[in-house]
Amino acid sequence: MKIVKRILIIILLVFIGFIAILYWGTYEKGVMAGKIIRISQKGVIFKTYEGKLNLETFGALKGTSPIAESFDFSVERGEKELIKELEEVALTGERVNLHYKKRFTSFFLERKLKVFCHRN
């Protein structure tokens, strides 16, 4: 009976460790610069803020027009100041640096991507 209890405890600890790595572990961090195209609240029951950052990249050939590329992101719940700042820069068209962190997975209302905004 002692062996079975020890095996169950070990399995439980491994499972908790695995969940912790998935939740707090990040696989990508970085910064993207561009203009906020939109920031909107989505969801029927669980409300989240979703946004889109316009990245202007230029073609390989001289004189070509910029290619419209975008980066979709989500703002973690409870980040009221960040949401307000993103709404302001979306209206002004100001260029911002978006610091982001991508997680392995998300649970319930938490998002896989965490962002921070710094104005240029």
Protein backbone atom coordinates (compact mmCIF):
# COMPACT_ATOMS: atom_id res chain seq x y z
CA MET A 1 0.00 0.00 0.00
CA LYS A 2 2.90 2.38 0.76
CA ILE A 3 4.32 1.85 -2.72
CA VAL A 4 0.99 2.70 -4.36
CA LYS A 5 0.68 5.91 -2.29
CA ARG A 6 4.22 6.95 -3.21
CA ILE A 7 3.61 6.28 -6.90
CA LEU A 8 0.37 8.33 -6.79
CA ILE A 9 2.14 11.21 -5.03
CA ILE A 10 4.95 11.17 -7.60
CA ILE A 11 2.45 11.15 -10.47
CA LEU A 12 0.56 14.05 -8.88
CA LEU A 13 3.75 16.08 -8.41
CA VAL A 14 4.85 15.46 -12.01
CA PHE A 15 1.40 16.52 -13.25
CA ILE A 16 1.48 19.73 -11.17
CA GLY A 17 4.98 20.50 -12.45
CA PHE A 18 3.88 19.94 -16.04
CA ILE A 19 0.88 22.27 -15.64
CA ALA A 20 3.11 24.92 -13.99
CA ILE A 21 5.56 24.83 -16.92
CA LEU A 22 2.72 25.16 -19.42
CA TYR A 23 1.16 28.07 -17.56
CA TRP A 24 4.19 30.14 -16.59
CA GLY A 25 6.63 29.03 -19.27
CA THR A 26 7.24 31.29 -22.24
CA TYR A 27 8.57 30.26 -25.62
CA GLU A 28 8.97 33.68 -27.22
CA LYS A 29 9.67 37.23 -26.03
CA GLY A 30 10.19 40.24 -28.20
CA VAL A 31 9.36 43.73 -29.34
CA MET A 32 7.39 44.81 -32.39
CA ALA A 33 7.03 48.37 -33.57
CA GLY A 34 4.13 49.76 -35.52
CA LYS A 35 0.76 51.45 -35.30
CA ILE A 36 -2.25 50.09 -33.48
CA ILE A 37 -5.00 49.50 -36.03
CA ARG A 38 -7.64 48.41 -33.56
CA ILE A 39 -8.26 47.46 -29.97
CA SER A 40 -11.65 45.95 -29.20
CA GLN A 41 -13.46 44.06 -26.50
CA LYS A 42 -14.63 40.61 -27.58
CA GLY A 43 -16.63 37.83 -26.01
CA VAL A 44 -20.13 37.13 -24.83
CA ILE A 45 -19.55 35.79 -21.34
CA PHE A 46 -15.77 36.12 -20.90
CA LYS A 47 -14.65 39.53 -22.15
CA THR A 48 -11.14 39.96 -23.54
CA TYR A 49 -9.39 42.80 -25.33
CA GLU A 50 -7.97 41.92 -28.72
CA GLY A 51 -5.82 44.17 -30.88
CA LYS A 52 -3.98 44.40 -34.16
CA LEU A 53 -0.62 46.06 -34.74
CA ASN A 54 0.23 47.24 -38.26
CA LEU A 55 3.85 46.52 -39.13
CA GLU A 56 5.12 48.38 -42.14
CA THR A 57 7.77 46.35 -43.92
CA PHE A 58 9.36 47.35 -47.16
CA GLY A 59 9.86 45.22 -50.23
CA ALA A 60 13.25 43.95 -51.29
CA LEU A 61 13.33 46.17 -54.37
CA LYS A 62 14.04 49.86 -54.15
CA GLY A 63 10.99 52.01 -54.73
CA THR A 64 8.41 49.34 -53.98
CA SER A 65 5.46 50.12 -51.77
CA PRO A 66 5.33 48.90 -48.18
CA ILE A 67 3.76 45.51 -47.54
CA ALA A 68 0.93 45.57 -45.03
CA GLU A 69 1.72 43.05 -42.32
CA SER A 70 -0.11 42.79 -39.01
CA PHE A 71 0.39 41.23 -35.59
CA ASP A 72 -2.65 40.09 -33.59
CA PHE A 73 -2.42 40.28 -29.81
CA SER A 74 -4.51 39.97 -26.68
CA VAL A 75 -4.28 42.06 -23.53
CA GLU A 76 -4.46 40.24 -20.21
CA ARG A 77 -7.49 40.98 -18.10
CA GLY A 78 -6.95 43.55 -15.40
CA GLU A 79 -4.57 45.68 -17.50
CA LYS A 80 -6.89 48.71 -17.49
CA GLU A 81 -4.13 51.32 -17.90
CA LEU A 82 -2.59 49.45 -20.83
CA ILE A 83 -5.97 49.12 -22.55
CA LYS A 84 -6.61 52.84 -22.13
CA GLU A 85 -3.15 53.70 -23.52
CA LEU A 86 -3.64 51.37 -26.50
CA GLU A 87 -7.02 52.97 -27.24
CA GLU A 88 -5.40 56.44 -27.18
CA VAL A 89 -2.60 55.53 -29.58
CA ALA A 90 -5.06 53.74 -31.88
CA LEU A 91 -6.97 57.02 -32.25
CA THR A 92 -3.89 59.19 -32.79
CA GLY A 93 -2.06 56.82 -35.16
CA GLU A 94 1.06 57.12 -33.05
CA ARG A 95 3.82 54.54 -33.56
CA VAL A 96 4.43 52.31 -30.52
CA ASN A 97 6.76 49.56 -29.37
CA LEU A 98 4.81 46.52 -28.26
CA HIS A 99 6.71 44.25 -25.89
CA TYR A 100 5.17 40.80 -25.92
CA LYS A 101 5.53 37.43 -24.26
CA LYS A 102 4.05 34.23 -25.72
CA ARG A 103 3.17 31.40 -23.38
CA PHE A 104 2.87 27.69 -24.14
CA THR A 105 -0.82 27.63 -23.26
CA SER A 106 -3.56 29.58 -21.54
CA PHE A 107 -6.15 28.67 -18.95
CA PHE A 108 -9.64 30.08 -18.48
CA LEU A 109 -9.52 33.86 -18.98
CA GLU A 110 -5.75 34.21 -19.24
CA ARG A 111 -4.27 34.78 -22.69
CA LYS A 112 -1.26 33.17 -24.35
CA LEU A 113 0.23 36.53 -25.24
CA LYS A 114 1.11 39.31 -22.83
CA VAL A 115 1.86 42.79 -24.18
CA PHE A 116 3.36 46.02 -22.87
CA CYS A 117 3.15 49.29 -24.79
CA HIS A 118 5.85 51.98 -24.99
CA ARG A 119 5.33 55.07 -27.08
CA ASN A 120 8.13 56.14 -29.42
